[in-house]
C-alpha atoms as a PDB file:
ATOM      1  CA  MET A   1     117.229 116.018  98.451  1.00  0.00           C
ATOM      2  CA  THR A   2     116.836 112.112  97.515  1.00  0.00           C
ATOM      3  CA  ILE A   3     112.821 110.498  97.957  1.00  0.00           C
ATOM      4  CA  PRO A   4     113.091 107.197  99.399  1.00  0.00           C
ATOM      5  CA  THR A   5     111.268 104.939  96.978  1.00  0.00           C
ATOM      6  CA  LEU A   6     109.755 101.460  97.121  1.00  0.00           C
ATOM      7  CA  THR A   7     109.285  98.674  94.320  1.00  0.00           C
ATOM      8  CA  LEU A   8     105.668  97.505  93.014  1.00  0.00           C
ATOM      9  CA  ASN A   9     104.508  93.968  92.530  1.00  0.00           C
ATOM     10  CA  SER A  10     105.123  95.321  88.993  1.00  0.00           C
ATOM     11  CA  GLY A  11     108.694  95.699  89.093  1.00  0.00           C
ATOM     12  CA  HIS A  12     108.591  99.566  88.796  1.00  0.00           C
ATOM     13  CA  ALA A  13     109.469 101.947  91.277  1.00  0.00           C
ATOM     14  CA  ILE A  14     107.327 104.517  93.522  1.00  0.00           C
ATOM     15  CA  PRO A  15     108.570 107.370  95.367  1.00  0.00           C
ATOM     16  CA  GLN A  16     107.487 106.893  98.997  1.00  0.00           C
ATOM     17  CA  LEU A  17     106.647 110.651  99.261  1.00  0.00           C
ATOM     18  CA  GLY A  18     104.504 112.284  96.840  1.00  0.00           C
ATOM     19  CA  PHE A  19     101.872 115.666  96.318  1.00  0.00           C
ATOM     20  CA  GLY A  20      98.232 114.851  96.172  1.00  0.00           C
ATOM     21  CA  VAL A  21      95.719 117.140  94.630  1.00  0.00           C
ATOM     22  CA  PHE A  22      92.963 116.063  96.213  1.00  0.00           C
ATOM     23  CA  LEU A  23      90.111 119.219  96.791  1.00  0.00           C
ATOM     24  CA  VAL A  24      92.480 121.667  94.741  1.00  0.00           C
ATOM     25  CA  PRO A  25      90.735 123.460  93.097  1.00  0.00           C
ATOM     26  CA  ALA A  26      91.148 123.282  88.678  1.00  0.00           C
ATOM     27  CA  ASP A  27      92.133 127.026  88.059  1.00  0.00           C
ATOM     28  CA  GLU A  28      94.772 126.322  91.206  1.00  0.00           C
ATOM     29  CA  ALA A  29      96.364 123.038  89.875  1.00  0.00           C
ATOM     30  CA  GLU A  30      98.522 124.220  87.681  1.00  0.00           C
ATOM     31  CA  ALA A  31     100.639 126.347  89.942  1.00  0.00           C
ATOM     32  CA  ALA A  32     100.519 124.123  93.157  1.00  0.00           C
ATOM     33  CA  VAL A  33     101.897 121.202  91.228  1.00  0.00           C
ATOM     34  CA  SER A  34     104.234 123.818  89.301  1.00  0.00           C
ATOM     35  CA  SER A  35     105.834 125.055  93.511  1.00  0.00           C
ATOM     36  CA  ALA A  36     105.980 121.398  94.323  1.00  0.00           C
ATOM     37  CA  LEU A  37     107.673 119.911  91.617  1.00  0.00           C
ATOM     38  CA  GLU A  38     110.082 122.993  91.950  1.00  0.00           C
ATOM     39  CA  ILE A  39     110.410 121.737  95.335  1.00  0.00           C
ATOM     40  CA  GLY A  40     111.499 118.078  94.356  1.00  0.00           C
ATOM     41  CA  TYR A  41     107.933 116.086  94.124  1.00  0.00           C
ATOM     42  CA  ARG A  42     108.216 113.671  91.612  1.00  0.00           C
ATOM     43  CA  HIS A  43     105.317 111.783  92.315  1.00  0.00           C
ATOM     44  CA  ILE A  44     101.705 113.511  91.744  1.00  0.00           C
ATOM     45  CA  ASP A  45      98.150 111.586  92.703  1.00  0.00           C
ATOM     46  CA  THR A  46      95.531 113.104  91.325  1.00  0.00           C
ATOM     47  CA  ALA A  47      92.047 111.734  89.998  1.00  0.00           C
ATOM     48  CA  ALA A  48      89.666 111.707  86.969  1.00  0.00           C
ATOM     49  CA  ILE A  49      86.968 112.997  89.742  1.00  0.00           C
ATOM     50  CA  TYR A  50      89.288 115.837  91.005  1.00  0.00           C
ATOM     51  CA  ARG A  51      88.910 117.912  87.845  1.00  0.00           C
ATOM     52  CA  ASN A  52      92.060 119.029  87.599  1.00  0.00           C
ATOM     53  CA  GLU A  53      94.188 116.218  85.736  1.00  0.00           C
ATOM     54  CA  GLU A  54      94.325 119.357  82.799  1.00  0.00           C
ATOM     55  CA  GLY A  55      95.717 121.435  85.366  1.00  0.00           C
ATOM     56  CA  VAL A  56      98.587 118.717  86.599  1.00  0.00           C
ATOM     57  CA  GLY A  57      99.278 118.398  83.192  1.00  0.00           C
ATOM     58  CA  ALA A  58     100.101 121.978  82.441  1.00  0.00           C
ATOM     59  CA  ALA A  59     102.038 121.947  85.298  1.00  0.00           C
ATOM     60  CA  ILE A  60     104.123 119.027  84.199  1.00  0.00           C
ATOM     61  CA  ALA A  61     104.719 120.112  80.847  1.00  0.00           C
ATOM     62  CA  ALA A  62     105.997 123.470  82.257  1.00  0.00           C
ATOM     63  CA  SER A  63     108.722 121.696  84.105  1.00  0.00           C
ATOM     64  CA  GLY A  64     110.670 120.654  81.958  1.00  0.00           C
ATOM     65  CA  ILE A  65     111.401 117.442  84.213  1.00  0.00           C
ATOM     66  CA  PRO A  66     112.161 114.463  81.612  1.00  0.00           C
ATOM     67  CA  ARG A  67     108.786 112.375  81.608  1.00  0.00           C
ATOM     68  CA  GLU A  68     110.568 109.266  83.257  1.00  0.00           C
ATOM     69  CA  GLU A  69     111.757 111.001  86.675  1.00  0.00           C
ATOM     70  CA  LEU A  70     108.406 111.791  87.308  1.00  0.00           C
ATOM     71  CA  PHE A  71     105.565 108.971  88.756  1.00  0.00           C
ATOM     72  CA  VAL A  72     101.968 110.239  87.845  1.00  0.00           C
ATOM     73  CA  THR A  73      99.293 108.504  89.338  1.00  0.00           C
ATOM     74  CA  THR A  74      95.367 109.447  88.677  1.00  0.00           C
ATOM     75  CA  LYS A  75      92.272 107.324  89.095  1.00  0.00           C
ATOM     76  CA  LEU A  76      88.895 105.715  88.070  1.00  0.00           C
ATOM     77  CA  TRP A  77      86.120 107.281  88.964  1.00  0.00           C
ATOM     78  CA  ASN A  78      82.416 105.100  89.979  1.00  0.00           C
ATOM     79  CA  ASP A  79      80.483 105.796  87.437  1.00  0.00           C
ATOM     80  CA  ARG A  80      82.902 104.662  84.797  1.00  0.00           C
ATOM     81  CA  GLN A  81      83.409 100.853  86.424  1.00  0.00           C
ATOM     82  CA  SER A  82      80.677  98.952  84.224  1.00  0.00           C
ATOM     83  CA  GLY A  83      81.372  97.920  80.555  1.00  0.00           C
ATOM     84  CA  GLU A  84      84.042  99.124  78.116  1.00  0.00           C
ATOM     85  CA  GLN A  85      83.817 102.417  80.090  1.00  0.00           C
ATOM     86  CA  PRO A  86      86.891 102.252  82.529  1.00  0.00           C
ATOM     87  CA  HIS A  87      89.315 101.884  79.002  1.00  0.00           C
ATOM     88  CA  GLU A  88      87.208 105.568  77.271  1.00  0.00           C
ATOM     89  CA  ALA A  89      88.224 106.820  81.148  1.00  0.00           C
ATOM     90  CA  ALA A  90      91.773 105.817  81.541  1.00  0.00           C
ATOM     91  CA  ARG A  91      92.275 107.375  77.304  1.00  0.00           C
ATOM     92  CA  GLU A  92      90.310 110.535  78.610  1.00  0.00           C
ATOM     93  CA  SER A  93      92.521 110.846  81.577  1.00  0.00           C
ATOM     94  CA  LEU A  94      95.646 110.822  79.680  1.00  0.00           C
ATOM     95  CA  ASP A  95      94.346 113.104  77.271  1.00  0.00           C
ATOM     96  CA  LYS A  96      93.830 115.489  79.959  1.00  0.00           C
ATOM     97  CA  LEU A  97      97.121 115.293  81.802  1.00  0.00           C
ATOM     98  CA  GLY A  98      98.418 114.702  78.206  1.00  0.00           C
ATOM     99  CA  LEU A  99     100.844 112.224  78.623  1.00  0.00           C
ATOM    100  CA  GLU A 100     100.696 108.185  76.920  1.00  0.00           C
ATOM    101  CA  TYR A 101     100.589 106.668  79.436  1.00  0.00           C
ATOM    102  CA  VAL A 102     100.634 106.916  83.845  1.00  0.00           C
ATOM    103  CA  ASP A 103     102.561 105.496  85.728  1.00  0.00           C
ATOM    104  CA  LEU A 104     100.196 104.160  88.105  1.00  0.00           C
ATOM    105  CA  TYR A 105      96.121 103.431  87.773  1.00  0.00           C
ATOM    106  CA  LEU A 106      93.297 103.036  90.387  1.00  0.00           C
ATOM    107  CA  THR A 107      89.946 102.182  91.067  1.00  0.00           C
ATOM    108  CA  HIS A 108      88.561 104.839  93.353  1.00  0.00           C
ATOM    109  CA  TRP A 109      85.950 102.750  95.628  1.00  0.00           C
ATOM    110  CA  PRO A 110      84.429  99.644  95.140  1.00  0.00           C
ATOM    111  CA  THR A 111      81.061 100.589  95.396  1.00  0.00           C
ATOM    112  CA  PRO A 112      79.993  97.386  96.384  1.00  0.00           C
ATOM    113  CA  GLU A 113      76.310  97.644  95.760  1.00  0.00           C
ATOM    114  CA  LYS A 114      76.409  98.722  92.686  1.00  0.00           C
ATOM    115  CA  ASP A 115      79.255  94.846  91.824  1.00  0.00           C
ATOM    116  CA  THR A 116      81.342  97.045  89.470  1.00  0.00           C
ATOM    117  CA  TYR A 117      84.375  96.493  90.732  1.00  0.00           C
ATOM    118  CA  VAL A 118      85.391  93.701  89.879  1.00  0.00           C
ATOM    119  CA  ASN A 119      84.828  94.340  86.216  1.00  0.00           C
ATOM    120  CA  ALA A 120      86.686  97.367  86.034  1.00  0.00           C
ATOM    121  CA  TRP A 121      89.706  95.404  87.408  1.00  0.00           C
ATOM    122  CA  GLU A 122      89.860  92.851  84.859  1.00  0.00           C
ATOM    123  CA  LYS A 123      89.948  96.401  82.043  1.00  0.00           C
ATOM    124  CA  LEU A 124      92.719  98.092  84.427  1.00  0.00           C
ATOM    125  CA  VAL A 125      94.485  94.529  83.484  1.00  0.00           C
ATOM    126  CA  GLU A 126      93.646  94.970  80.088  1.00  0.00           C
ATOM    127  CA  ILE A 127      94.702  98.608  80.056  1.00  0.00           C
ATOM    128  CA  ARG A 128      97.778  97.852  81.681  1.00  0.00           C
ATOM    129  CA  ASP A 129      98.588  95.300  79.056  1.00  0.00           C
ATOM    130  CA  GLN A 130      98.212  98.110  76.511  1.00  0.00           C
ATOM    131  CA  GLY A 131     100.925 100.309  78.259  1.00  0.00           C
ATOM    132  CA  LEU A 132      98.813 103.101  79.177  1.00  0.00           C
ATOM    133  CA  THR A 133      99.820 102.566  82.766  1.00  0.00           C
ATOM    134  CA  ARG A 134     103.181 100.598  84.067  1.00  0.00           C
ATOM    135  CA  SER A 135     101.141  99.761  87.372  1.00  0.00           C
ATOM    136  CA  ILE A 136      97.671  99.159  88.733  1.00  0.00           C
ATOM    137  CA  GLY A 137      96.040  99.350  92.012  1.00  0.00           C
ATOM    138  CA  VAL A 138      92.788 100.172  94.155  1.00  0.00           C
ATOM    139  CA  SER A 139      91.464 102.587  96.862  1.00  0.00           C
ATOM    140  CA  ASN A 140      89.583 102.030  99.389  1.00  0.00           C
ATOM    141  CA  HIS A 141      89.656  98.403  98.929  1.00  0.00           C
ATOM    142  CA  LEU A 142      88.787  96.130 102.370  1.00  0.00           C
ATOM    143  CA  PRO A 143      89.972  92.704 102.080  1.00  0.00           C
ATOM    144  CA  GLU A 144      86.726  91.020 100.878  1.00  0.00           C
ATOM    145  CA  HIS A 145      86.759  93.693  97.995  1.00  0.00           C
ATOM    146  CA  LEU A 146      90.702  92.668  97.203  1.00  0.00           C
ATOM    147  CA  ASP A 147      89.820  88.545  98.012  1.00  0.00           C
ATOM    148  CA  ARG A 148      87.465  88.800  94.972  1.00  0.00           C
ATOM    149  CA  ILE A 149      89.199  90.833  92.373  1.00  0.00           C
ATOM    150  CA  VAL A 150      92.292  88.513  92.976  1.00  0.00           C
ATOM    151  CA  GLU A 151      90.218  85.400  92.883  1.00  0.00           C
ATOM    152  CA  ALA A 152      88.596  86.480  89.141  1.00  0.00           C
ATOM    153  CA  THR A 153      91.722  87.668  88.029  1.00  0.00           C
ATOM    154  CA  GLY A 154      94.915  86.147  89.532  1.00  0.00           C
ATOM    155  CA  VAL A 155      96.482  89.956  89.725  1.00  0.00           C
ATOM    156  CA  VAL A 156      97.494  91.195  92.785  1.00  0.00           C
ATOM    157  CA  PRO A 157      97.208  95.098  93.424  1.00  0.00           C
ATOM    158  CA  ALA A 158     100.301  97.510  93.151  1.00  0.00           C
ATOM    159  CA  VAL A 159      98.804  99.505  95.924  1.00  0.00           C
ATOM    160  CA  ASP A 160      95.671  99.843  97.805  1.00  0.00           C
ATOM    161  CA  GLN A 161      95.318 103.439  98.942  1.00  0.00           C
ATOM    162  CA  ILE A 162      93.301 103.921 102.132  1.00  0.00           C
ATOM    163  CA  GLU A 163      92.150 106.368 104.562  1.00  0.00           C
ATOM    164  CA  LEU A 164      95.075 105.960 106.884  1.00  0.00           C
ATOM    165  CA  HIS A 165      96.543 107.953 109.899  1.00  0.00           C
ATOM    166  CA  PRO A 166      97.118 107.639 113.762  1.00  0.00           C
ATOM    167  CA  ALA A 167      93.561 107.438 114.420  1.00  0.00           C
ATOM    168  CA  LEU A 168      92.930 104.793 111.668  1.00  0.00           C
ATOM    169  CA  GLN A 169      95.250 102.581 110.302  1.00  0.00           C
ATOM    170  CA  GLN A 170      93.152 100.043 109.040  1.00  0.00           C
ATOM    171  CA  ARG A 171      95.171  96.964 110.707  1.00  0.00           C
ATOM    172  CA  ASP A 172      92.588  94.642 108.889  1.00  0.00           C
ATOM    173  CA  VAL A 173      93.729  95.815 105.354  1.00  0.00           C
ATOM    174  CA  LEU A 174      97.479  96.149 106.167  1.00  0.00           C
ATOM    175  CA  GLU A 175      97.370  92.366 107.225  1.00  0.00           C
ATOM    176  CA  TRP A 176      96.207  91.606 104.071  1.00  0.00           C
ATOM    177  CA  ALA A 177      98.967  93.994 101.866  1.00  0.00           C
ATOM    178  CA  ALA A 178     101.513  92.479 103.867  1.00  0.00           C
ATOM    179  CA  ALA A 179     100.593  89.008 102.750  1.00  0.00           C
ATOM    180  CA  HIS A 180     100.175  89.716  99.108  1.00  0.00           C
ATOM    181  CA  GLY A 181     103.344  92.125  98.712  1.00  0.00           C
ATOM    182  CA  THR A 182     100.682  94.787  97.827  1.00  0.00           C
ATOM    183  CA  LEU A 183     101.974  98.236  99.148  1.00  0.00           C
ATOM    184  CA  ILE A 184      99.671 100.836 101.122  1.00  0.00           C
ATOM    185  CA  GLU A 185      99.285 104.471 100.417  1.00  0.00           C
ATOM    186  CA  SER A 186      97.661 106.691 103.405  1.00  0.00           C
ATOM    187  CA  TRP A 187      95.274 109.347 102.031  1.00  0.00           C
ATOM    188  CA  GLY A 188      94.556 111.633 104.385  1.00  0.00           C
ATOM    189  CA  PRO A 189      97.470 111.092 106.429  1.00  0.00           C
ATOM    190  CA  LEU A 190      97.651 113.740 108.815  1.00  0.00           C
ATOM    191  CA  GLY A 191      93.462 113.191 109.673  1.00  0.00           C
ATOM    192  CA  GLN A 192      92.143 116.107 107.244  1.00  0.00           C
ATOM    193  CA  GLY A 193      92.743 118.276 110.034  1.00  0.00           C
ATOM    194  CA  LYS A 194      89.630 116.786 111.734  1.00  0.00           C
ATOM    195  CA  TYR A 195      90.926 115.798 115.379  1.00  0.00           C
ATOM    196  CA  PRO A 196      93.328 117.498 117.203  1.00  0.00           C
ATOM    197  CA  LEU A 197      96.117 115.055 116.388  1.00  0.00           C
ATOM    198  CA  PHE A 198      98.887 117.463 116.386  1.00  0.00           C
ATOM    199  CA  GLU A 199      98.494 118.500 120.516  1.00  0.00           C
ATOM    200  CA  ASN A 200      98.073 114.791 120.778  1.00  0.00           C
ATOM    201  CA  PRO A 201     101.432 114.101 123.733  1.00  0.00           C
ATOM    202  CA  ALA A 202     102.588 111.332 121.252  1.00  0.00           C
ATOM    203  CA  VAL A 203     103.138 113.743 118.312  1.00  0.00           C
ATOM    204  CA  ALA A 204     103.756 117.066 120.231  1.00  0.00           C
ATOM    205  CA  GLU A 205     106.364 115.566 122.504  1.00  0.00           C
ATOM    206  CA  ALA A 206     108.392 114.184 118.735  1.00  0.00           C
ATOM    207  CA  ALA A 207     107.818 117.244 117.443  1.00  0.00           C
ATOM    208  CA  ALA A 208     109.926 118.680 120.765  1.00  0.00           C
ATOM    209  CA  ALA A 209     112.228 116.087 120.621  1.00  0.00           C
ATOM    210  CA  HIS A 210     113.383 116.721 117.056  1.00  0.00           C
ATOM    211  CA  GLU A 211     112.666 120.298 116.623  1.00  0.00           C
ATOM    212  CA  VAL A 212     110.355 119.833 114.292  1.00  0.00           C
ATOM    213  CA  THR A 213     106.418 120.011 113.165  1.00  0.00           C
ATOM    214  CA  PRO A 214     104.025 117.679 114.216  1.00  0.00           C
ATOM    215  CA  ALA A 215     102.978 117.209 110.300  1.00  0.00           C
ATOM    216  CA  GLN A 216     106.742 116.268 109.788  1.00  0.00           C
ATOM    217  CA  VAL A 217     106.131 113.805 112.408  1.00  0.00           C
ATOM    218  CA  VAL A 218     103.050 112.341 111.269  1.00  0.00           C
ATOM    219  CA  ILE A 219     104.836 112.522 107.823  1.00  0.00           C
ATOM    220  CA  ARG A 220     107.720 111.001 109.195  1.00  0.00           C
ATOM    221  CA  TRP A 221     105.693 107.770 111.066  1.00  0.00           C
ATOM    222  CA  HIS A 222     104.269 107.100 107.466  1.00  0.00           C
ATOM    223  CA  LEU A 223     107.594 106.814 105.804  1.00  0.00           C
ATOM    224  CA  GLN A 224     108.831 104.408 108.809  1.00  0.00           C
ATOM    225  CA  ARG A 225     105.673 103.193 108.890  1.00  0.00           C
ATOM    226  CA  GLY A 226     106.599 101.877 105.108  1.00  0.00           C
ATOM    227  CA  PHE A 227     103.705 103.412 103.633  1.00  0.00           C
ATOM    228  CA  ILE A 228     103.829 105.617 100.789  1.00  0.00           C
ATOM    229  CA  VAL A 229     101.899 109.072 101.547  1.00  0.00           C
ATOM    230  CA  PHE A 230     101.151 112.778  99.645  1.00  0.00           C
ATOM    231  CA  PRO A 231     100.207 115.514 102.386  1.00  0.00           C
ATOM    232  CA  LYS A 232      98.616 118.031 100.129  1.00  0.00           C
ATOM    233  CA  SER A 233      98.828 122.215 100.701  1.00  0.00           C
ATOM    234  CA  SER A 234      98.774 124.420  98.022  1.00  0.00           C
ATOM    235  CA  SER A 235     101.049 126.996 100.358  1.00  0.00           C
ATOM    236  CA  PRO A 236     104.784 126.330  98.588  1.00  0.00           C
ATOM    237  CA  GLU A 237     105.790 127.186 102.568  1.00  0.00           C
ATOM    238  CA  ARG A 238     103.950 124.244 103.666  1.00  0.00           C
ATOM    239  CA  GLN A 239     104.802 121.747 100.634  1.00  0.00           C
ATOM    240  CA  ALA A 240     108.392 122.444 101.135  1.00  0.00           C
ATOM    241  CA  GLN A 241     107.591 121.758 105.210  1.00  0.00           C
ATOM    242  CA  ASN A 242     105.918 118.414 104.424  1.00  0.00           C
ATOM    243  CA  PHE A 243     108.616 117.448 102.170  1.00  0.00           C
ATOM    244  CA  ASP A 244     111.882 118.507 104.413  1.00  0.00           C
ATOM    245  CA  VAL A 245     110.920 115.008 106.611  1.00  0.00           C
ATOM    246  CA  LEU A 246     114.286 113.139 105.739  1.00  0.00           C
ATOM    247  CA  GLY A 247     116.786 114.725 107.968  1.00  0.00           C
ATOM    248  CA  PHE A 248     115.216 112.996 111.398  1.00  0.00           C
ATOM    249  CA  GLU A 249     114.241 109.913 112.220  1.00  0.00           C
ATOM    250  CA  LEU A 250     111.723 108.636 115.077  1.00  0.00           C
ATOM    251  CA  THR A 251     112.885 106.337 117.443  1.00  0.00           C
ATOM    252  CA  ASP A 252     110.922 103.257 118.060  1.00  0.00           C
ATOM    253  CA  ALA A 253     109.456 103.868 121.063  1.00  0.00           C
ATOM    254  CA  GLU A 254     108.307 107.466 119.342  1.00  0.00           C
ATOM    255  CA  VAL A 255     106.717 105.084 116.337  1.00  0.00           C
ATOM    256  CA  ALA A 256     104.754 102.764 118.926  1.00  0.00           C
ATOM    257  CA  ALA A 257     103.291 105.415 121.425  1.00  0.00           C
ATOM    258  CA  ILE A 258     101.964 106.781 117.567  1.00  0.00           C
ATOM    259  CA  ASP A 259     100.967 103.267 116.877  1.00  0.00           C
ATOM    260  CA  ALA A 260      99.356 103.176 120.182  1.00  0.00           C
ATOM    261  CA  LEU A 261      96.548 106.776 119.111  1.00  0.00           C
ATOM    262  CA  ASP A 262      94.357 103.873 116.879  1.00  0.00           C
ATOM    263  CA  PRO A 263      91.377 102.350 119.212  1.00  0.00           C
ATOM    264  CA  GLY A 264      91.034  99.923 117.150  1.00  0.00           C
ATOM    265  CA  ASP A 265      87.284 100.134 116.537  1.00  0.00           C
ATOM    266  CA  GLY A 266      87.627 102.180 113.380  1.00  0.00           C
ATOM    267  CA  SER A 267      85.979 105.473 115.330  1.00  0.00           C
ATOM    268  CA  GLY A 268      88.904 107.848 114.003  1.00  0.00           C
ATOM    269  CA  ARG A 269      87.737 107.265 110.548  1.00  0.00           C
ATOM    270  CA  VAL A 270      87.382 110.913 109.513  1.00  0.00           C
ATOM    271  CA  GLY A 271      86.292 109.953 105.663  1.00  0.00           C
ATOM    272  CA  SER A 272      83.399 107.658 103.960  1.00  0.00           C
ATOM    273  CA  HIS A 273      83.507 104.112 104.892  1.00  0.00           C
ATOM    274  CA  PRO A 274      84.012 101.624 101.884  1.00  0.00           C
ATOM    275  CA  LEU A 275      80.241  99.982 102.140  1.00  0.00           C
ATOM    276  CA  ASP A 276      78.870 103.549 102.218  1.00  0.00           C
ATOM    277  CA  VAL A 277      79.866 104.998  99.229  1.00  0.00           C
ATOM    278  CA  ASN A 278      78.652 103.307  95.697  1.00  0.00           C
END
């Protein structure tokens, strides 16, 4: 099965469907990633704060898959954004992953009260130029943060990884990204099970029509909207199910019905607000 790819503003291709390891315990990460790689995933998304980079690296090393066939993302944590710390943090992540470079390095949150995110972005540009990462981007940045880092550096993030699921589509961020050539990555793509998404008629009826699961419908919706998505599961069966989303296509009406699930007032947020993480 060939996973569709998108082209980043750096010119590099990124698999649109990946595997996320948020909240995967360190002692389970190697097995979870090994299983995902066996199923066919080639895009792995981790972060320093997940504390499972070693397990991810061990799975990659054991897989025997050529490095150029993999796309690996990790992230700079909030307490390493000042001074030269981003350089130190990037090298620490590479050591833990056992890699010479990552394909994508992201700042994790803007932490606006600390006001270090512009410095962090400036350092990520240097890290990219040193060859330690192929592409750079951000997570959880709102238009006000994005405008500021671009004004300071002239460098537009390749991606913005944000909380995105049918009840929270952050259309202001999507509009900024579309205008600037930044791709959107969806975290918490299934709403983290914190609201009855799968029981919603727009999702349930599409699942019945295509004889697939509600989760497969929502993942397919992300793909058809042009988002990069990496659902998380340690269960090989669920990993395979989440991967098996290319054999059907939602109709325009089905996509529109799911689009309409966001009330537009931010009330669908199930994670932290970017202005509140400092």
